[in-house]
């Protein structure tokens, strides 16, 4: 997230008020993180000033997910418990995800490494 503005802090307060949140961490991620080009690594959301990690009590709860999703653009998969194509789409811009899937097709075509955050290999070129 770029700023800890009114809408962001209101959403965080609502998570606390509803007792949905078990843990909250806010990290500053500007500086050297922002100096690395977005296309240089799989972590592409380098324009943000803050990383907010909210652990909700019921991670499959749609209401908590919608609040959490409203907190900002992008996510870092190592700090998220959700899986699936919609999560990959938020974690990786299309170009980055395509590059990761091509690497996966080359080095893990059988998809053995699929448990942390499943990234399916790219389909073979026809």
N, C-alpha and C. Protein backbone atom coordinates (compact mmCIF):
# COMPACT_ATOMS: atom_id res chain seq x y z
N UNK A 1 0.84 -1.16 0.00
CA UNK A 1 0.00 0.00 0.00
C UNK A 1 0.89 1.23 0.00
N UNK A 2 0.41 2.24 -0.65
CA UNK A 2 1.21 3.46 -0.76
C UNK A 2 1.20 4.26 0.54
N UNK A 3 0.04 4.38 1.18
CA UNK A 3 -0.07 5.23 2.37
C UNK A 3 -0.98 4.58 3.40
N UNK A 4 -0.77 4.91 4.65
CA UNK A 4 -1.67 4.49 5.71
C UNK A 4 -2.72 5.59 5.88
N UNK A 5 -3.62 5.65 4.89
CA UNK A 5 -4.60 6.72 4.83
C UNK A 5 -5.87 6.35 5.62
N UNK A 6 -6.85 7.24 5.58
CA UNK A 6 -8.10 7.05 6.30
C UNK A 6 -8.82 5.76 5.95
N UNK A 7 -9.05 5.47 4.65
CA UNK A 7 -9.74 4.22 4.31
C UNK A 7 -8.99 2.97 4.78
N UNK A 8 -7.67 3.00 4.70
CA UNK A 8 -6.88 1.85 5.13
C UNK A 8 -7.00 1.65 6.64
N UNK A 9 -6.81 2.71 7.40
CA UNK A 9 -6.88 2.57 8.85
C UNK A 9 -8.30 2.24 9.31
N UNK A 10 -9.32 2.71 8.60
CA UNK A 10 -10.71 2.35 8.94
C UNK A 10 -10.95 0.86 8.71
N UNK A 11 -10.40 0.32 7.63
CA UNK A 11 -10.55 -1.11 7.35
C UNK A 11 -9.85 -1.94 8.41
N UNK A 12 -8.64 -1.55 8.79
CA UNK A 12 -7.92 -2.27 9.83
C UNK A 12 -8.69 -2.19 11.15
N UNK A 13 -9.21 -1.02 11.48
CA UNK A 13 -9.98 -0.87 12.72
C UNK A 13 -11.22 -1.76 12.70
N UNK A 14 -11.88 -1.88 11.55
CA UNK A 14 -13.06 -2.75 11.43
C UNK A 14 -12.68 -4.21 11.66
N UNK A 15 -11.53 -4.64 11.14
CA UNK A 15 -11.08 -6.01 11.38
C UNK A 15 -10.87 -6.26 12.87
N UNK A 16 -10.30 -5.28 13.57
CA UNK A 16 -10.12 -5.41 15.02
C UNK A 16 -11.46 -5.36 15.75
N UNK A 17 -12.33 -4.40 15.39
CA UNK A 17 -13.63 -4.27 16.04
C UNK A 17 -14.47 -5.53 15.92
N UNK A 18 -14.42 -6.18 14.76
CA UNK A 18 -15.20 -7.39 14.52
C UNK A 18 -14.51 -8.64 15.06
N UNK A 19 -13.34 -8.46 15.64
CA UNK A 19 -12.53 -9.56 16.19
C UNK A 19 -12.17 -10.60 15.13
N UNK A 20 -12.03 -10.13 13.90
CA UNK A 20 -11.64 -11.02 12.80
C UNK A 20 -10.13 -11.20 12.73
N UNK A 21 -9.39 -10.28 13.29
CA UNK A 21 -7.95 -10.27 13.10
C UNK A 21 -7.24 -10.89 14.32
N UNK A 22 -6.30 -11.76 14.04
CA UNK A 22 -5.53 -12.40 15.10
C UNK A 22 -4.15 -11.77 15.22
N UNK A 23 -3.66 -11.19 14.15
CA UNK A 23 -2.30 -10.64 14.13
C UNK A 23 -2.22 -9.60 13.02
N UNK A 24 -1.52 -8.52 13.29
CA UNK A 24 -1.33 -7.48 12.28
C UNK A 24 0.13 -7.04 12.31
N UNK A 25 0.72 -6.93 11.12
CA UNK A 25 2.09 -6.45 11.00
C UNK A 25 2.13 -5.44 9.86
N UNK A 26 2.71 -4.28 10.14
CA UNK A 26 2.90 -3.26 9.11
C UNK A 26 4.40 -3.06 8.97
N UNK A 27 4.90 -3.23 7.75
CA UNK A 27 6.33 -3.08 7.48
C UNK A 27 6.55 -1.97 6.47
N UNK A 28 7.57 -1.20 6.70
CA UNK A 28 8.00 -0.21 5.71
C UNK A 28 8.81 -0.94 4.64
N UNK A 29 8.46 -0.74 3.37
CA UNK A 29 9.16 -1.46 2.30
C UNK A 29 9.61 -0.54 1.17
N UNK A 30 9.81 0.71 1.46
CA UNK A 30 10.34 1.60 0.43
C UNK A 30 11.83 1.39 0.26
N UNK A 31 12.55 2.44 0.00
CA UNK A 31 14.01 2.38 -0.06
C UNK A 31 14.56 1.39 -1.05
N UNK A 32 15.43 0.48 -0.56
CA UNK A 32 16.11 -0.48 -1.43
C UNK A 32 15.13 -1.40 -2.15
N UNK A 33 14.00 -1.72 -1.52
CA UNK A 33 12.99 -2.55 -2.18
C UNK A 33 12.51 -1.84 -3.44
N UNK A 34 12.27 -0.55 -3.32
CA UNK A 34 11.77 0.24 -4.44
C UNK A 34 12.85 0.48 -5.50
N UNK A 35 14.13 0.35 -5.13
CA UNK A 35 15.21 0.57 -6.08
C UNK A 35 15.37 -0.58 -7.07
N UNK A 36 14.89 -1.76 -6.73
CA UNK A 36 15.01 -2.93 -7.61
C UNK A 36 13.89 -2.90 -8.64
N UNK A 37 14.20 -3.05 -9.91
CA UNK A 37 13.15 -3.03 -10.94
C UNK A 37 12.12 -4.14 -10.70
N UNK A 38 10.85 -3.84 -10.93
CA UNK A 38 9.76 -4.79 -10.70
C UNK A 38 9.95 -6.08 -11.49
N UNK A 39 10.52 -6.02 -12.68
CA UNK A 39 10.68 -7.21 -13.51
C UNK A 39 11.91 -8.04 -13.14
N UNK A 40 12.72 -7.57 -12.18
CA UNK A 40 13.96 -8.26 -11.84
C UNK A 40 13.73 -9.53 -11.00
N UNK A 41 12.65 -9.58 -10.26
CA UNK A 41 12.36 -10.73 -9.40
C UNK A 41 10.88 -11.07 -9.49
N UNK A 42 10.49 -12.16 -8.86
CA UNK A 42 9.07 -12.53 -8.84
C UNK A 42 8.26 -11.58 -7.96
N UNK A 43 8.90 -10.93 -7.01
CA UNK A 43 8.23 -9.95 -6.14
C UNK A 43 8.15 -8.63 -6.90
N UNK A 44 7.01 -8.41 -7.54
CA UNK A 44 6.87 -7.29 -8.46
C UNK A 44 6.26 -6.04 -7.85
N UNK A 45 5.65 -6.13 -6.69
CA UNK A 45 4.95 -4.98 -6.11
C UNK A 45 5.94 -4.14 -5.30
N UNK A 46 6.85 -3.51 -6.00
CA UNK A 46 7.94 -2.77 -5.37
C UNK A 46 7.68 -1.28 -5.26
N UNK A 47 6.53 -0.84 -5.69
CA UNK A 47 6.21 0.58 -5.65
C UNK A 47 5.48 0.97 -4.37
N UNK A 48 5.17 -0.01 -3.54
CA UNK A 48 4.43 0.25 -2.31
C UNK A 48 5.36 0.80 -1.23
N UNK A 49 4.82 1.60 -0.33
CA UNK A 49 5.59 2.12 0.79
C UNK A 49 5.48 1.22 2.02
N UNK A 50 4.38 0.45 2.09
CA UNK A 50 4.13 -0.39 3.25
C UNK A 50 3.64 -1.77 2.82
N UNK A 51 3.96 -2.75 3.64
CA UNK A 51 3.40 -4.09 3.51
C UNK A 51 2.58 -4.33 4.76
N UNK A 52 1.32 -4.64 4.58
CA UNK A 52 0.45 -4.90 5.70
C UNK A 52 0.08 -6.38 5.68
N UNK A 53 0.39 -7.09 6.75
CA UNK A 53 0.09 -8.50 6.86
C UNK A 53 -0.94 -8.67 7.97
N UNK A 54 -2.16 -9.04 7.58
CA UNK A 54 -3.24 -9.23 8.54
C UNK A 54 -3.62 -10.71 8.54
N UNK A 55 -3.46 -11.36 9.68
CA UNK A 55 -3.86 -12.75 9.82
C UNK A 55 -5.26 -12.75 10.42
N UNK A 56 -6.22 -13.26 9.65
CA UNK A 56 -7.60 -13.29 10.15
C UNK A 56 -7.87 -14.64 10.80
N UNK A 57 -8.80 -14.65 11.73
CA UNK A 57 -9.10 -15.86 12.50
C UNK A 57 -9.69 -16.96 11.63
N UNK A 58 -10.51 -16.61 10.69
CA UNK A 58 -11.12 -17.58 9.78
C UNK A 58 -10.67 -17.23 8.37
N UNK A 59 -9.53 -17.78 7.91
CA UNK A 59 -8.99 -17.36 6.62
C UNK A 59 -9.91 -17.62 5.43
N UNK A 60 -10.87 -18.51 5.55
CA UNK A 60 -11.79 -18.79 4.44
C UNK A 60 -13.05 -17.94 4.51
N UNK A 61 -13.14 -17.05 5.49
CA UNK A 61 -14.30 -16.20 5.65
C UNK A 61 -14.32 -15.13 4.55
N UNK A 62 -15.37 -15.12 3.74
CA UNK A 62 -15.44 -14.21 2.59
C UNK A 62 -15.48 -12.75 3.02
N UNK A 63 -16.15 -12.44 4.13
CA UNK A 63 -16.23 -11.06 4.59
C UNK A 63 -14.84 -10.55 4.98
N UNK A 64 -14.10 -11.35 5.71
CA UNK A 64 -12.74 -10.96 6.10
C UNK A 64 -11.87 -10.83 4.86
N UNK A 65 -12.03 -11.75 3.90
CA UNK A 65 -11.26 -11.67 2.66
C UNK A 65 -11.57 -10.38 1.91
N UNK A 66 -12.83 -10.00 1.86
CA UNK A 66 -13.17 -8.78 1.12
C UNK A 66 -12.58 -7.55 1.79
N UNK A 67 -12.57 -7.53 3.13
CA UNK A 67 -11.93 -6.42 3.83
C UNK A 67 -10.43 -6.42 3.58
N UNK A 68 -9.83 -7.60 3.67
CA UNK A 68 -8.39 -7.70 3.46
C UNK A 68 -8.03 -7.32 2.03
N UNK A 69 -8.83 -7.75 1.07
CA UNK A 69 -8.57 -7.40 -0.33
C UNK A 69 -8.68 -5.91 -0.58
N UNK A 70 -9.48 -5.22 0.22
CA UNK A 70 -9.64 -3.78 0.06
C UNK A 70 -8.50 -2.96 0.61
N UNK A 71 -7.52 -3.61 1.22
CA UNK A 71 -6.43 -2.87 1.86
C UNK A 71 -5.37 -2.38 0.89
N UNK A 72 -5.28 -2.97 -0.28
CA UNK A 72 -4.26 -2.48 -1.19
C UNK A 72 -4.03 -3.42 -2.33
N UNK A 73 -3.21 -2.96 -3.24
CA UNK A 73 -2.90 -3.72 -4.44
C UNK A 73 -1.75 -4.67 -4.18
N UNK A 74 -1.86 -5.86 -4.73
CA UNK A 74 -0.77 -6.82 -4.64
C UNK A 74 -0.73 -7.56 -3.32
N UNK A 75 0.04 -8.61 -3.32
CA UNK A 75 0.27 -9.36 -2.10
C UNK A 75 1.55 -10.16 -2.25
N UNK A 76 2.08 -10.58 -1.12
CA UNK A 76 3.30 -11.37 -1.09
C UNK A 76 2.90 -12.75 -0.59
N UNK A 77 2.99 -13.76 -1.45
CA UNK A 77 2.42 -15.07 -1.16
C UNK A 77 2.96 -15.74 0.09
N UNK A 78 4.18 -15.48 0.45
CA UNK A 78 4.73 -16.11 1.65
C UNK A 78 4.03 -15.63 2.91
N UNK A 79 3.28 -14.53 2.82
CA UNK A 79 2.54 -14.01 3.96
C UNK A 79 1.04 -14.24 3.82
N UNK A 80 0.61 -15.08 2.90
CA UNK A 80 -0.81 -15.29 2.67
C UNK A 80 -1.14 -16.77 2.75
N UNK A 81 -2.30 -17.10 3.27
CA UNK A 81 -2.70 -18.50 3.39
C UNK A 81 -3.63 -18.94 2.27
N UNK A 82 -4.10 -18.00 1.48
CA UNK A 82 -5.04 -18.34 0.41
C UNK A 82 -4.27 -18.89 -0.78
N UNK A 83 -4.92 -19.74 -1.56
CA UNK A 83 -4.32 -20.30 -2.77
C UNK A 83 -5.33 -20.19 -3.90
N UNK A 84 -4.89 -20.48 -5.10
CA UNK A 84 -5.78 -20.49 -6.26
C UNK A 84 -5.40 -19.45 -7.28
N UNK A 85 -5.99 -19.55 -8.46
CA UNK A 85 -5.65 -18.64 -9.56
C UNK A 85 -5.89 -17.17 -9.24
N UNK A 86 -6.95 -16.87 -8.48
CA UNK A 86 -7.23 -15.46 -8.16
C UNK A 86 -6.14 -14.87 -7.27
N UNK A 87 -5.54 -15.69 -6.42
CA UNK A 87 -4.46 -15.21 -5.55
C UNK A 87 -3.19 -14.99 -6.37
N UNK A 88 -2.89 -15.92 -7.29
CA UNK A 88 -1.72 -15.75 -8.16
C UNK A 88 -1.85 -14.47 -8.99
N UNK A 89 -3.04 -14.19 -9.45
CA UNK A 89 -3.27 -12.97 -10.24
C UNK A 89 -3.03 -11.70 -9.45
N UNK A 90 -3.26 -11.72 -8.15
CA UNK A 90 -2.99 -10.54 -7.32
C UNK A 90 -1.52 -10.47 -6.93
N UNK A 91 -0.87 -11.62 -6.82
CA UNK A 91 0.53 -11.64 -6.38
C UNK A 91 1.49 -11.29 -7.51
N UNK A 92 1.14 -11.70 -8.73
CA UNK A 92 2.06 -11.52 -9.85
C UNK A 92 1.38 -10.81 -11.01
N UNK A 93 1.97 -9.73 -11.50
CA UNK A 93 1.46 -9.13 -12.73
C UNK A 93 1.53 -10.16 -13.86
N UNK A 94 0.72 -10.03 -14.91
CA UNK A 94 0.67 -11.03 -15.98
C UNK A 94 2.03 -11.41 -16.56
N UNK A 95 2.90 -10.45 -16.81
CA UNK A 95 4.22 -10.75 -17.38
C UNK A 95 5.06 -11.58 -16.42
N UNK A 96 5.03 -11.25 -15.15
CA UNK A 96 5.78 -11.98 -14.14
C UNK A 96 5.25 -13.41 -13.99
N UNK A 97 3.92 -13.55 -13.93
CA UNK A 97 3.33 -14.88 -13.81
C UNK A 97 3.65 -15.75 -15.02
N UNK A 98 3.62 -15.18 -16.20
CA UNK A 98 3.97 -15.93 -17.41
C UNK A 98 5.42 -16.40 -17.34
N UNK A 99 6.32 -15.53 -16.88
CA UNK A 99 7.73 -15.89 -16.74
C UNK A 99 7.90 -17.01 -15.71
N UNK A 100 7.21 -16.94 -14.58
CA UNK A 100 7.30 -17.99 -13.56
C UNK A 100 6.75 -19.31 -14.08
N UNK A 101 5.66 -19.26 -14.82
CA UNK A 101 5.08 -20.50 -15.36
C UNK A 101 6.00 -21.11 -16.41
N UNK A 102 6.72 -20.29 -17.17
CA UNK A 102 7.68 -20.83 -18.14
C UNK A 102 8.87 -21.48 -17.43
N UNK A 103 9.34 -20.88 -16.35
CA UNK A 103 10.41 -21.49 -15.56
C UNK A 103 9.92 -22.80 -14.96
N UNK A 104 8.70 -22.79 -14.46
CA UNK A 104 8.11 -24.00 -13.89
C UNK A 104 8.02 -25.11 -14.93
N UNK A 105 7.63 -24.76 -16.16
CA UNK A 105 7.53 -25.77 -17.23
C UNK A 105 8.89 -26.36 -17.56
N UNK A 106 9.94 -25.55 -17.47
CA UNK A 106 11.28 -26.03 -17.78
C UNK A 106 11.87 -26.88 -16.67
N UNK A 107 11.65 -26.49 -15.40
CA UNK A 107 12.33 -27.15 -14.29
C UNK A 107 11.44 -28.03 -13.42
N UNK A 108 10.14 -27.87 -13.53
CA UNK A 108 9.21 -28.69 -12.74
C UNK A 108 7.94 -28.97 -13.54
N UNK A 109 8.09 -29.61 -14.72
CA UNK A 109 6.92 -29.83 -15.57
C UNK A 109 5.88 -30.77 -14.95
N UNK A 110 6.30 -31.62 -14.00
CA UNK A 110 5.37 -32.53 -13.33
C UNK A 110 4.68 -31.87 -12.14
N UNK A 111 5.03 -30.61 -11.86
CA UNK A 111 4.41 -29.82 -10.79
C UNK A 111 4.60 -30.45 -9.40
N UNK A 112 5.81 -30.97 -9.15
CA UNK A 112 6.10 -31.57 -7.85
C UNK A 112 6.06 -30.53 -6.73
N UNK A 113 6.53 -29.31 -7.02
CA UNK A 113 6.53 -28.23 -6.03
C UNK A 113 5.24 -27.43 -6.20
N UNK A 114 4.18 -27.87 -5.54
CA UNK A 114 2.87 -27.28 -5.74
C UNK A 114 2.16 -26.93 -4.44
N UNK A 115 2.78 -27.21 -3.30
CA UNK A 115 2.04 -27.09 -2.04
C UNK A 115 2.04 -25.71 -1.40
N UNK A 116 3.10 -24.94 -1.49
CA UNK A 116 3.13 -23.64 -0.82
C UNK A 116 2.14 -22.68 -1.49
N UNK A 117 2.41 -22.30 -2.70
CA UNK A 117 1.43 -21.56 -3.50
C UNK A 117 1.52 -22.10 -4.91
N UNK A 118 0.51 -22.87 -5.30
CA UNK A 118 0.56 -23.58 -6.58
C UNK A 118 0.65 -22.64 -7.78
N UNK A 119 1.71 -22.80 -8.53
CA UNK A 119 1.89 -22.08 -9.77
C UNK A 119 1.99 -23.15 -10.87
N UNK A 120 0.91 -23.36 -11.62
CA UNK A 120 0.97 -24.41 -12.63
C UNK A 120 1.97 -24.08 -13.73
N UNK A 121 2.66 -25.09 -14.26
CA UNK A 121 3.60 -24.83 -15.35
C UNK A 121 2.86 -24.35 -16.59
N UNK A 122 3.57 -23.61 -17.41
CA UNK A 122 3.00 -23.16 -18.68
C UNK A 122 2.70 -24.38 -19.55
N UNK A 123 1.67 -24.27 -20.36
CA UNK A 123 1.33 -25.33 -21.30
C UNK A 123 2.42 -25.42 -22.37
N UNK A 124 2.76 -26.62 -22.82
CA UNK A 124 3.78 -26.74 -23.88
C UNK A 124 3.31 -26.02 -25.15
N UNK A 125 4.25 -25.40 -25.82
CA UNK A 125 3.94 -24.71 -27.08
C UNK A 125 3.53 -25.75 -28.11
N UNK A 126 2.48 -25.43 -28.85
CA UNK A 126 2.02 -26.39 -29.86
C UNK A 126 2.53 -26.04 -31.23
